[in-house]
Amino acid sequence: MIILMQRMHSNNILHCDIHPGNAGLTPCDELGVLRAPFTAETAESTHPTFIDFGWSLMRGYHPRGGDDNSAVSWPYASDRILRRDDPYTRADDMASLAYLLLSVRLLNHPPWFHEIQSQDLSEDPEAVIATRARVIGELHAQKTVEDHLLDFVSYATGLAPDEFIDYARWVRHFDEVIRWEPVSDQDQLLRRRVYSL
């Protein structure tokens, strides 16, 4: 997903609405052309992808012009976007990606989701931001999630709007700490990520 984001950003595209519903796996060739439906037989050639570019900015432009183009999925939005700091930047996409990867790792909503559902974002975004920071701190303290993922969350959410994003560093980092092992069932085509704690 980090490589996809780098490609998207290098083409001056900001997704602006990254959350699990807008990311997925698809059997594609290198150009992203769908080859076959997702099945056990096609799993080996599956690639991650972003979908639903309805809120995207291309070279800073959005076809709806004056509409409110803010991120719709606030549990995954960066702190800057929750505060309504404009303009939306690559750093905001990276923060959303970090929250998405954390959710995927936990196989659930972000861990702050249920706690802040009752909070009114428009009235007090700082309370939502503080709750999220506290929950991420608890994940660090309790060792609930691997340090390398929480390090990425810290990096991505700490980026300044115009700061250089070192995509390659994080791709290398995840390649080093995550190894592939075959699933123990009969289908050796399927593989899964195995995280070492």
N, C-alpha and C. Protein backbone atom coordinates (compact mmCIF):
# COMPACT_ATOMS: atom_id res chain seq x y z
N MET A 1 0.83 -1.19 0.00
CA MET A 1 0.00 0.00 0.00
C MET A 1 0.88 1.26 0.00
N ILE A 2 2.02 1.17 0.66
CA ILE A 2 2.92 2.32 0.68
C ILE A 2 3.45 2.59 -0.72
N ILE A 3 3.78 1.54 -1.45
CA ILE A 3 4.27 1.71 -2.83
C ILE A 3 3.17 2.31 -3.71
N LEU A 4 1.94 1.84 -3.54
CA LEU A 4 0.82 2.41 -4.31
C LEU A 4 0.64 3.89 -3.99
N MET A 5 0.76 4.22 -2.71
CA MET A 5 0.61 5.63 -2.33
C MET A 5 1.71 6.47 -2.95
N GLN A 6 2.93 5.96 -2.95
CA GLN A 6 4.03 6.70 -3.56
C GLN A 6 3.75 6.94 -5.05
N ARG A 7 3.28 5.92 -5.75
CA ARG A 7 2.96 6.08 -7.18
C ARG A 7 1.85 7.10 -7.38
N MET A 8 0.83 7.02 -6.55
CA MET A 8 -0.29 7.95 -6.63
C MET A 8 0.21 9.38 -6.40
N HIS A 9 0.99 9.57 -5.35
CA HIS A 9 1.50 10.90 -5.02
C HIS A 9 2.48 11.41 -6.08
N SER A 10 3.28 10.53 -6.66
CA SER A 10 4.23 10.97 -7.69
C SER A 10 3.50 11.45 -8.95
N ASN A 11 2.25 11.05 -9.10
CA ASN A 11 1.42 11.53 -10.21
C ASN A 11 0.51 12.67 -9.79
N ASN A 12 0.85 13.30 -8.65
CA ASN A 12 0.10 14.46 -8.13
C ASN A 12 -1.36 14.15 -7.85
N ILE A 13 -1.61 12.95 -7.34
CA ILE A 13 -2.97 12.55 -6.95
C ILE A 13 -2.99 12.35 -5.45
N LEU A 14 -3.93 13.01 -4.79
CA LEU A 14 -4.19 12.80 -3.37
C LEU A 14 -5.53 12.09 -3.27
N HIS A 15 -5.57 10.96 -2.57
CA HIS A 15 -6.80 10.18 -2.49
C HIS A 15 -7.87 10.90 -1.68
N CYS A 16 -7.51 11.42 -0.52
CA CYS A 16 -8.37 12.23 0.35
C CYS A 16 -9.46 11.45 1.09
N ASP A 17 -9.55 10.16 0.94
CA ASP A 17 -10.59 9.38 1.64
C ASP A 17 -10.12 7.94 1.84
N ILE A 18 -8.97 7.78 2.47
CA ILE A 18 -8.41 6.44 2.67
C ILE A 18 -9.00 5.82 3.93
N HIS A 19 -9.62 4.67 3.74
CA HIS A 19 -10.16 3.86 4.83
C HIS A 19 -10.34 2.45 4.27
N PRO A 20 -10.61 1.45 5.13
CA PRO A 20 -10.68 0.07 4.62
C PRO A 20 -11.67 -0.15 3.49
N GLY A 21 -12.75 0.61 3.44
CA GLY A 21 -13.71 0.45 2.36
C GLY A 21 -13.20 0.93 1.02
N ASN A 22 -12.12 1.71 1.03
CA ASN A 22 -11.54 2.22 -0.21
C ASN A 22 -10.18 1.61 -0.52
N ALA A 23 -9.93 0.44 0.06
CA ALA A 23 -8.71 -0.31 -0.22
C ALA A 23 -9.09 -1.77 -0.33
N GLY A 24 -8.36 -2.49 -1.13
CA GLY A 24 -8.69 -3.90 -1.27
C GLY A 24 -7.61 -4.66 -1.99
N LEU A 25 -7.92 -5.89 -2.29
CA LEU A 25 -7.02 -6.77 -3.02
C LEU A 25 -7.68 -7.15 -4.33
N THR A 26 -6.92 -7.10 -5.40
CA THR A 26 -7.48 -7.47 -6.69
C THR A 26 -6.42 -8.19 -7.52
N PRO A 27 -6.80 -9.26 -8.20
CA PRO A 27 -5.86 -9.92 -9.10
C PRO A 27 -5.65 -9.06 -10.34
N CYS A 28 -4.51 -8.41 -10.42
CA CYS A 28 -4.24 -7.48 -11.52
C CYS A 28 -2.88 -7.77 -12.13
N ASP A 29 -2.70 -7.28 -13.33
CA ASP A 29 -1.36 -7.29 -13.89
C ASP A 29 -0.65 -6.03 -13.41
N GLU A 30 0.55 -5.79 -13.89
CA GLU A 30 1.34 -4.67 -13.42
C GLU A 30 0.68 -3.32 -13.68
N LEU A 31 -0.16 -3.25 -14.67
CA LEU A 31 -0.82 -1.99 -15.00
C LEU A 31 -2.12 -1.79 -14.25
N GLY A 32 -2.48 -2.75 -13.40
CA GLY A 32 -3.70 -2.62 -12.63
C GLY A 32 -4.94 -3.10 -13.37
N VAL A 33 -4.76 -3.79 -14.49
CA VAL A 33 -5.90 -4.29 -15.25
C VAL A 33 -6.38 -5.59 -14.62
N LEU A 34 -7.66 -5.65 -14.30
CA LEU A 34 -8.22 -6.83 -13.67
C LEU A 34 -8.07 -8.04 -14.58
N ARG A 35 -7.48 -9.11 -14.04
CA ARG A 35 -7.26 -10.31 -14.83
C ARG A 35 -8.32 -11.36 -14.57
N ALA A 36 -8.71 -11.53 -13.32
CA ALA A 36 -9.60 -12.64 -12.97
C ALA A 36 -10.27 -12.33 -11.64
N PRO A 37 -11.40 -12.95 -11.37
CA PRO A 37 -12.03 -12.76 -10.06
C PRO A 37 -11.14 -13.33 -8.96
N PHE A 38 -11.31 -12.85 -7.74
CA PHE A 38 -10.50 -13.30 -6.61
C PHE A 38 -10.93 -14.70 -6.18
N THR A 39 -10.04 -15.64 -6.32
CA THR A 39 -10.27 -17.02 -5.89
C THR A 39 -8.98 -17.55 -5.28
N ALA A 40 -9.04 -18.75 -4.70
CA ALA A 40 -7.83 -19.37 -4.14
C ALA A 40 -6.76 -19.53 -5.21
N GLU A 41 -7.17 -19.81 -6.43
CA GLU A 41 -6.22 -20.01 -7.52
C GLU A 41 -5.55 -18.71 -7.96
N THR A 42 -6.22 -17.58 -7.79
CA THR A 42 -5.65 -16.30 -8.23
C THR A 42 -5.02 -15.52 -7.09
N ALA A 43 -5.07 -16.05 -5.87
CA ALA A 43 -4.57 -15.31 -4.71
C ALA A 43 -3.09 -14.95 -4.82
N GLU A 44 -2.31 -15.82 -5.45
CA GLU A 44 -0.87 -15.58 -5.57
C GLU A 44 -0.56 -14.30 -6.34
N SER A 45 -1.40 -13.95 -7.30
CA SER A 45 -1.14 -12.76 -8.12
C SER A 45 -1.95 -11.55 -7.65
N THR A 46 -2.42 -11.59 -6.43
CA THR A 46 -3.24 -10.51 -5.91
C THR A 46 -2.38 -9.33 -5.48
N HIS A 47 -2.86 -8.14 -5.78
CA HIS A 47 -2.16 -6.91 -5.42
C HIS A 47 -3.10 -5.99 -4.66
N PRO A 48 -2.57 -5.21 -3.71
CA PRO A 48 -3.43 -4.23 -3.04
C PRO A 48 -3.75 -3.09 -4.00
N THR A 49 -4.85 -2.43 -3.74
CA THR A 49 -5.24 -1.32 -4.59
C THR A 49 -6.08 -0.32 -3.80
N PHE A 50 -6.09 0.91 -4.24
CA PHE A 50 -7.01 1.92 -3.71
C PHE A 50 -8.16 2.04 -4.70
N ILE A 51 -9.36 2.24 -4.18
CA ILE A 51 -10.53 2.44 -5.03
C ILE A 51 -11.26 3.70 -4.59
N ASP A 52 -12.30 4.05 -5.30
CA ASP A 52 -13.17 5.18 -5.00
C ASP A 52 -12.39 6.49 -4.86
N PHE A 53 -12.07 7.05 -5.98
CA PHE A 53 -11.34 8.31 -6.01
C PHE A 53 -12.28 9.52 -6.09
N GLY A 54 -13.49 9.37 -5.58
CA GLY A 54 -14.50 10.42 -5.66
C GLY A 54 -14.14 11.71 -4.95
N TRP A 55 -13.32 11.65 -3.92
CA TRP A 55 -12.90 12.85 -3.19
C TRP A 55 -11.50 13.30 -3.59
N SER A 56 -10.88 12.61 -4.52
CA SER A 56 -9.46 12.85 -4.84
C SER A 56 -9.20 14.23 -5.41
N LEU A 57 -7.98 14.67 -5.17
CA LEU A 57 -7.47 15.89 -5.79
C LEU A 57 -6.41 15.48 -6.80
N MET A 58 -6.53 15.97 -8.00
CA MET A 58 -5.55 15.72 -9.04
C MET A 58 -4.87 17.05 -9.36
N ARG A 59 -3.58 17.11 -9.05
CA ARG A 59 -2.81 18.35 -9.19
C ARG A 59 -3.48 19.50 -8.44
N GLY A 60 -4.05 19.18 -7.28
CA GLY A 60 -4.67 20.18 -6.43
C GLY A 60 -6.08 20.57 -6.84
N TYR A 61 -6.61 19.95 -7.87
CA TYR A 61 -7.93 20.32 -8.39
C TYR A 61 -8.94 19.22 -8.09
N HIS A 62 -10.15 19.65 -7.77
CA HIS A 62 -11.26 18.71 -7.61
C HIS A 62 -12.41 19.21 -8.46
N PRO A 63 -13.05 18.33 -9.22
CA PRO A 63 -14.10 18.77 -10.15
C PRO A 63 -15.28 19.47 -9.48
N ARG A 64 -15.51 19.20 -8.20
CA ARG A 64 -16.64 19.85 -7.53
C ARG A 64 -16.28 21.25 -7.04
N GLY A 65 -15.06 21.66 -7.29
CA GLY A 65 -14.63 23.02 -7.00
C GLY A 65 -14.93 23.50 -5.60
N GLY A 66 -16.00 24.24 -5.43
CA GLY A 66 -16.32 24.88 -4.16
C GLY A 66 -16.92 23.98 -3.11
N ASP A 67 -17.24 22.73 -3.46
CA ASP A 67 -17.81 21.82 -2.47
C ASP A 67 -16.82 21.58 -1.33
N ASP A 68 -17.35 21.13 -0.21
CA ASP A 68 -16.50 20.73 0.91
C ASP A 68 -15.86 19.40 0.56
N ASN A 69 -14.57 19.41 0.29
CA ASN A 69 -13.86 18.20 -0.12
C ASN A 69 -13.12 17.55 1.04
N SER A 70 -13.60 17.75 2.26
CA SER A 70 -12.92 17.18 3.41
C SER A 70 -13.12 15.67 3.47
N ALA A 71 -12.22 15.02 4.18
CA ALA A 71 -12.29 13.56 4.30
C ALA A 71 -13.60 13.15 4.96
N VAL A 72 -14.24 12.16 4.40
CA VAL A 72 -15.54 11.72 4.89
C VAL A 72 -15.42 10.73 6.04
N SER A 73 -14.37 9.98 6.10
CA SER A 73 -14.22 8.94 7.12
C SER A 73 -13.34 9.44 8.25
N TRP A 74 -13.95 10.18 9.17
CA TRP A 74 -13.19 10.84 10.22
C TRP A 74 -12.37 9.90 11.10
N PRO A 75 -12.75 8.63 11.33
CA PRO A 75 -11.87 7.79 12.17
C PRO A 75 -10.48 7.58 11.55
N TYR A 76 -10.36 7.79 10.24
CA TYR A 76 -9.10 7.58 9.54
C TYR A 76 -8.45 8.90 9.11
N ALA A 77 -9.10 10.01 9.37
CA ALA A 77 -8.59 11.31 8.93
C ALA A 77 -7.43 11.77 9.82
N SER A 78 -6.50 12.49 9.23
CA SER A 78 -5.37 13.03 9.98
C SER A 78 -5.86 14.09 10.97
N ASP A 79 -5.01 14.39 11.96
CA ASP A 79 -5.36 15.44 12.92
C ASP A 79 -5.59 16.77 12.22
N ARG A 80 -4.78 17.08 11.22
CA ARG A 80 -4.94 18.34 10.48
C ARG A 80 -6.31 18.45 9.84
N ILE A 81 -6.77 17.36 9.27
CA ILE A 81 -8.07 17.38 8.60
C ILE A 81 -9.19 17.47 9.62
N LEU A 82 -9.04 16.80 10.77
CA LEU A 82 -10.05 16.94 11.82
C LEU A 82 -10.14 18.38 12.29
N ARG A 83 -9.01 19.09 12.28
CA ARG A 83 -9.00 20.51 12.67
C ARG A 83 -9.41 21.42 11.52
N ARG A 84 -9.64 20.83 10.36
CA ARG A 84 -10.00 21.56 9.14
C ARG A 84 -8.89 22.51 8.68
N ASP A 85 -7.64 22.05 8.86
CA ASP A 85 -6.49 22.80 8.35
C ASP A 85 -6.33 22.50 6.87
N ASP A 86 -6.39 23.51 6.05
CA ASP A 86 -6.24 23.35 4.61
C ASP A 86 -4.83 23.74 4.19
N PRO A 87 -4.39 23.32 3.06
CA PRO A 87 -5.01 22.36 2.16
C PRO A 87 -4.66 20.93 2.55
N TYR A 88 -5.38 19.99 1.97
CA TYR A 88 -5.09 18.57 2.15
C TYR A 88 -3.76 18.27 1.48
N THR A 89 -2.92 17.46 2.13
CA THR A 89 -1.57 17.18 1.61
C THR A 89 -1.28 15.68 1.57
N ARG A 90 -0.13 15.35 1.03
CA ARG A 90 0.34 13.96 1.01
C ARG A 90 0.46 13.41 2.43
N ALA A 91 0.88 14.26 3.35
CA ALA A 91 1.03 13.84 4.75
C ALA A 91 -0.31 13.38 5.31
N ASP A 92 -1.40 14.00 4.90
CA ASP A 92 -2.73 13.59 5.37
C ASP A 92 -3.10 12.21 4.83
N ASP A 93 -2.77 11.95 3.57
CA ASP A 93 -2.98 10.61 3.01
C ASP A 93 -2.17 9.57 3.79
N MET A 94 -0.92 9.90 4.13
CA MET A 94 -0.06 8.95 4.86
C MET A 94 -0.62 8.65 6.24
N ALA A 95 -1.13 9.66 6.94
CA ALA A 95 -1.71 9.43 8.26
C ALA A 95 -2.91 8.50 8.13
N SER A 96 -3.75 8.74 7.13
CA SER A 96 -4.91 7.87 6.92
C SER A 96 -4.48 6.44 6.60
N LEU A 97 -3.42 6.30 5.80
CA LEU A 97 -2.91 4.97 5.49
C LEU A 97 -2.41 4.27 6.76
N ALA A 98 -1.75 5.00 7.63
CA ALA A 98 -1.26 4.41 8.88
C ALA A 98 -2.42 3.89 9.72
N TYR A 99 -3.49 4.67 9.81
CA TYR A 99 -4.66 4.24 10.58
C TYR A 99 -5.34 3.04 9.90
N LEU A 100 -5.37 3.04 8.57
CA LEU A 100 -5.93 1.90 7.84
C LEU A 100 -5.13 0.63 8.13
N LEU A 101 -3.80 0.71 8.05
CA LEU A 101 -2.96 -0.47 8.30
C LEU A 101 -3.11 -0.97 9.73
N LEU A 102 -3.26 -0.05 10.67
CA LEU A 102 -3.49 -0.44 12.06
C LEU A 102 -4.82 -1.19 12.18
N SER A 103 -5.84 -0.70 11.53
CA SER A 103 -7.15 -1.37 11.55
C SER A 103 -7.08 -2.75 10.91
N VAL A 104 -6.38 -2.84 9.78
CA VAL A 104 -6.23 -4.13 9.11
C VAL A 104 -5.51 -5.11 10.03
N ARG A 105 -4.47 -4.65 10.70
CA ARG A 105 -3.72 -5.52 11.61
C ARG A 105 -4.60 -6.02 12.75
N LEU A 106 -5.48 -5.15 13.26
CA LEU A 106 -6.37 -5.53 14.36
C LEU A 106 -7.63 -6.23 13.87
N LEU A 107 -7.83 -6.27 12.54
CA LEU A 107 -9.04 -6.85 11.94
C LEU A 107 -10.30 -6.24 12.55
N ASN A 108 -10.28 -4.92 12.66
CA ASN A 108 -11.40 -4.22 13.30
C ASN A 108 -11.34 -2.75 12.93
N HIS A 109 -12.31 -1.99 13.42
CA HIS A 109 -12.24 -0.54 13.31
C HIS A 109 -10.98 -0.07 14.03
N PRO A 110 -10.58 1.19 13.81
CA PRO A 110 -9.47 1.69 14.62
C PRO A 110 -9.85 1.55 16.10
N PRO A 111 -8.89 1.32 16.99
CA PRO A 111 -9.23 1.05 18.39
C PRO A 111 -9.91 2.21 19.10
N TRP A 112 -9.88 3.41 18.55
CA TRP A 112 -10.54 4.56 19.16
C TRP A 112 -11.96 4.76 18.62
N PHE A 113 -12.35 3.98 17.64
CA PHE A 113 -13.60 4.19 16.92
C PHE A 113 -14.82 4.23 17.84
N HIS A 114 -15.03 3.18 18.63
CA HIS A 114 -16.24 3.11 19.46
C HIS A 114 -16.22 4.15 20.57
N GLU A 115 -15.05 4.44 21.09
CA GLU A 115 -14.95 5.40 22.19
C GLU A 115 -15.31 6.82 21.75
N ILE A 116 -15.01 7.16 20.52
CA ILE A 116 -15.27 8.54 20.09
C ILE A 116 -16.51 8.67 19.20
N GLN A 117 -17.26 7.60 19.04
CA GLN A 117 -18.48 7.68 18.22
C GLN A 117 -19.45 8.73 18.76
N SER A 118 -19.50 8.86 20.07
CA SER A 118 -20.47 9.78 20.67
C SER A 118 -19.96 11.22 20.70
N GLN A 119 -18.68 11.45 20.40
CA GLN A 119 -18.14 12.81 20.43
C GLN A 119 -18.51 13.55 19.15
N ASP A 120 -18.86 14.82 19.31
CA ASP A 120 -19.23 15.65 18.16
C ASP A 120 -17.96 16.27 17.59
N LEU A 121 -17.57 15.78 16.44
CA LEU A 121 -16.34 16.23 15.81
C LEU A 121 -16.37 17.73 15.52
N SER A 122 -17.51 18.25 15.11
CA SER A 122 -17.59 19.66 14.76
C SER A 122 -17.44 20.56 15.98
N GLU A 123 -17.84 20.07 17.15
CA GLU A 123 -17.74 20.89 18.36
C GLU A 123 -16.37 20.83 19.00
N ASP A 124 -15.75 19.66 19.02
CA ASP A 124 -14.48 19.53 19.73
C ASP A 124 -13.56 18.51 19.07
N PRO A 125 -12.93 18.89 17.95
CA PRO A 125 -12.01 17.94 17.31
C PRO A 125 -10.82 17.61 18.20
N GLU A 126 -10.43 18.52 19.10
CA GLU A 126 -9.29 18.27 19.97
C GLU A 126 -9.55 17.11 20.92
N ALA A 127 -10.80 16.93 21.35
CA ALA A 127 -11.13 15.79 22.23
C ALA A 127 -10.97 14.48 21.47
N VAL A 128 -11.38 14.47 20.21
CA VAL A 128 -11.23 13.27 19.38
C VAL A 128 -9.75 12.98 19.17
N ILE A 129 -8.97 14.01 18.88
CA ILE A 129 -7.53 13.85 18.65
C ILE A 129 -6.84 13.35 19.92
N ALA A 130 -7.23 13.90 21.07
CA ALA A 130 -6.64 13.47 22.35
C ALA A 130 -6.99 12.01 22.66
N THR A 131 -8.22 11.62 22.39
CA THR A 131 -8.63 10.23 22.62
C THR A 131 -7.81 9.29 21.74
N ARG A 132 -7.66 9.65 20.49
CA ARG A 132 -6.89 8.81 19.57
C ARG A 132 -5.44 8.69 20.04
N ALA A 133 -4.83 9.80 20.45
CA ALA A 133 -3.44 9.77 20.92
C ALA A 133 -3.30 8.89 22.17
N ARG A 134 -4.27 8.99 23.08
CA ARG A 134 -4.24 8.17 24.30
C ARG A 134 -4.32 6.69 23.96
N VAL A 135 -5.24 6.33 23.06
CA VAL A 135 -5.42 4.92 22.69
C VAL A 135 -4.17 4.38 22.00
N ILE A 136 -3.55 5.16 21.13
CA ILE A 136 -2.32 4.71 20.47
C ILE A 136 -1.21 4.54 21.51
N GLY A 137 -1.15 5.44 22.49
CA GLY A 137 -0.19 5.29 23.59
C GLY A 137 -0.41 4.01 24.37
N GLU A 138 -1.68 3.66 24.58
CA GLU A 138 -1.99 2.41 25.29
C GLU A 138 -1.55 1.19 24.47
N LEU A 139 -1.70 1.26 23.16
CA LEU A 139 -1.23 0.16 22.31
C LEU A 139 0.28 -0.03 22.45
N HIS A 140 1.01 1.10 22.51
CA HIS A 140 2.46 1.03 22.72
C HIS A 140 2.77 0.38 24.06
N ALA A 141 2.13 0.86 25.11
CA ALA A 141 2.42 0.39 26.47
C ALA A 141 2.06 -1.08 26.67
N GLN A 142 0.95 -1.49 26.09
CA GLN A 142 0.47 -2.86 26.29
C GLN A 142 1.08 -3.85 25.31
N LYS A 143 1.86 -3.36 24.34
CA LYS A 143 2.46 -4.22 23.32
C LYS A 143 1.40 -5.05 22.60
N THR A 144 0.23 -4.43 22.37
CA THR A 144 -0.88 -5.09 21.68
C THR A 144 -0.61 -5.24 20.19
N VAL A 145 0.15 -4.30 19.66
CA VAL A 145 0.47 -4.26 18.23
C VAL A 145 1.99 -4.19 18.10
N GLU A 146 2.51 -4.77 17.04
CA GLU A 146 3.95 -4.78 16.81
C GLU A 146 4.52 -3.37 16.76
N ASP A 147 5.72 -3.22 17.33
CA ASP A 147 6.37 -1.91 17.38
C ASP A 147 6.60 -1.32 16.00
N HIS A 148 6.94 -2.17 15.01
CA HIS A 148 7.22 -1.61 13.68
C HIS A 148 5.99 -0.94 13.07
N LEU A 149 4.81 -1.45 13.35
CA LEU A 149 3.60 -0.82 12.83
C LEU A 149 3.31 0.47 13.59
N LEU A 150 3.48 0.44 14.90
CA LEU A 150 3.26 1.66 15.68
C LEU A 150 4.31 2.73 15.35
N ASP A 151 5.53 2.31 15.02
CA ASP A 151 6.54 3.27 14.57
C ASP A 151 6.10 3.94 13.28
N PHE A 152 5.51 3.17 12.37
CA PHE A 152 5.00 3.75 11.12
C PHE A 152 3.85 4.72 11.41
N VAL A 153 2.95 4.35 12.32
CA VAL A 153 1.85 5.24 12.69
C VAL A 153 2.42 6.55 13.23
N SER A 154 3.41 6.46 14.12
CA SER A 154 4.03 7.68 14.68
C SER A 154 4.67 8.53 13.59
N TYR A 155 5.40 7.88 12.68
CA TYR A 155 6.04 8.60 11.59
C TYR A 155 5.00 9.29 10.71
N ALA A 156 4.02 8.53 10.25
CA ALA A 156 3.04 9.05 9.30
C ALA A 156 2.19 10.15 9.90
N THR A 157 1.82 10.01 11.16
CA THR A 157 0.96 11.02 11.78
C THR A 157 1.75 12.23 12.25
N GLY A 158 3.08 12.11 12.29
CA GLY A 158 3.91 13.23 12.70
C GLY A 158 4.46 14.06 11.55
N LEU A 159 4.13 13.68 10.32
CA LEU A 159 4.63 14.42 9.16
C LEU A 159 4.05 15.82 9.10
N ALA A 160 4.90 16.79 8.80
CA ALA A 160 4.43 18.15 8.54
C ALA A 160 3.83 18.18 7.13
N PRO A 161 2.94 19.14 6.86
CA PRO A 161 2.25 19.16 5.56
C PRO A 161 3.16 19.08 4.34
N ASP A 162 4.29 19.76 4.35
CA ASP A 162 5.16 19.77 3.17
C ASP A 162 6.43 18.95 3.37
N GLU A 163 6.47 18.15 4.41
CA GLU A 163 7.67 17.36 4.71
C GLU A 163 7.88 16.25 3.67
N PHE A 164 9.15 15.98 3.37
CA PHE A 164 9.50 14.88 2.47
C PHE A 164 9.02 13.57 3.10
N ILE A 165 8.40 12.71 2.29
CA ILE A 165 7.93 11.41 2.77
C ILE A 165 8.90 10.35 2.24
N ASP A 166 9.50 9.61 3.16
CA ASP A 166 10.46 8.58 2.80
C ASP A 166 9.74 7.24 2.63
N TYR A 167 9.03 7.10 1.52
CA TYR A 167 8.28 5.88 1.25
C TYR A 167 9.20 4.65 1.24
N ALA A 168 10.35 4.79 0.58
CA ALA A 168 11.28 3.66 0.42
C ALA A 168 11.76 3.13 1.76
N ARG A 169 12.00 4.01 2.70
CA ARG A 169 12.44 3.59 4.04
C ARG A 169 11.43 2.64 4.66
N TRP A 170 10.16 2.97 4.54
CA TRP A 170 9.12 2.15 5.19
C TRP A 170 8.84 0.87 4.43
N VAL A 171 8.98 0.90 3.12
CA VAL A 171 8.85 -0.34 2.35
C VAL A 171 9.97 -1.30 2.77
N ARG A 172 11.21 -0.79 2.84
CA ARG A 172 12.34 -1.63 3.29
C ARG A 172 12.11 -2.13 4.71
N HIS A 173 11.65 -1.25 5.56
CA HIS A 173 11.44 -1.60 6.97
C HIS A 173 10.44 -2.75 7.10
N PHE A 174 9.31 -2.65 6.43
CA PHE A 174 8.31 -3.72 6.51
C PHE A 174 8.81 -5.00 5.84
N ASP A 175 9.56 -4.88 4.76
CA ASP A 175 10.12 -6.08 4.12
C ASP A 175 11.07 -6.81 5.06
N GLU A 176 11.78 -6.06 5.90
CA GLU A 176 12.73 -6.68 6.83
C GLU A 176 12.04 -7.37 8.01
N VAL A 177 10.94 -6.81 8.48
CA VAL A 177 10.33 -7.35 9.71
C VAL A 177 9.19 -8.32 9.46
N ILE A 178 8.72 -8.41 8.22
CA ILE A 178 7.61 -9.30 7.91
C ILE A 178 8.12 -10.38 6.97
N ARG A 179 7.90 -11.63 7.33
CA ARG A 179 8.34 -12.73 6.48
C ARG A 179 7.11 -13.50 5.98
N TRP A 180 7.29 -14.18 4.87
CA TRP A 180 6.21 -14.98 4.29
C TRP A 180 6.34 -16.43 4.73
N GLU A 181 5.23 -17.05 5.06
CA GLU A 181 5.18 -18.49 5.32
C GLU A 181 3.93 -19.04 4.67
N PRO A 182 4.01 -20.25 4.12
CA PRO A 182 2.81 -20.83 3.52
C PRO A 182 1.77 -21.16 4.59
N VAL A 183 0.53 -21.06 4.22
CA VAL A 183 -0.56 -21.45 5.10
C VAL A 183 -0.49 -22.96 5.28
N SER A 184 -0.85 -23.45 6.44
CA SER A 184 -0.67 -24.87 6.73
C SER A 184 -1.74 -25.77 6.12
N ASP A 185 -2.69 -25.24 5.40
CA ASP A 185 -3.70 -26.11 4.77
C ASP A 185 -3.15 -26.67 3.45
N GLN A 186 -3.98 -27.38 2.72
CA GLN A 186 -3.54 -28.06 1.50
C GLN A 186 -3.23 -27.10 0.36
N ASP A 187 -3.80 -25.94 0.39
CA ASP A 187 -3.60 -25.01 -0.71
C ASP A 187 -2.32 -24.21 -0.49
N GLN A 188 -1.21 -24.63 -1.07
CA GLN A 188 0.07 -23.96 -0.89
C GLN A 188 0.17 -22.67 -1.71
N LEU A 189 -0.82 -22.40 -2.56
CA LEU A 189 -0.81 -21.14 -3.31
C LEU A 189 -1.10 -19.96 -2.41
N LEU A 190 -1.95 -20.19 -1.40
CA LEU A 190 -2.28 -19.11 -0.49
C LEU A 190 -1.14 -18.91 0.49
N ARG A 191 -0.80 -17.67 0.73
CA ARG A 191 0.23 -17.38 1.71
C ARG A 191 -0.28 -16.28 2.61
N ARG A 192 0.33 -16.18 3.78
CA ARG A 192 -0.09 -15.13 4.70
C ARG A 192 1.14 -14.47 5.29
N ARG A 193 0.93 -13.31 5.83
CA ARG A 193 2.00 -12.61 6.52
C ARG A 193 2.09 -13.17 7.94
N VAL A 194 3.31 -13.37 8.40
CA VAL A 194 3.53 -13.83 9.77
C VAL A 194 4.33 -12.75 10.47
N TYR A 195 3.78 -12.21 11.52
CA TYR A 195 4.43 -11.13 12.25
C TYR A 195 5.19 -11.70 13.43
N SER A 196 6.44 -11.34 13.56
CA SER A 196 7.21 -11.77 14.73
C SER A 196 7.14 -10.66 15.77
N LEU A 197 6.74 -11.02 16.97
CA LEU A 197 6.62 -10.03 18.05
C LEU A 197 7.95 -9.81 18.72
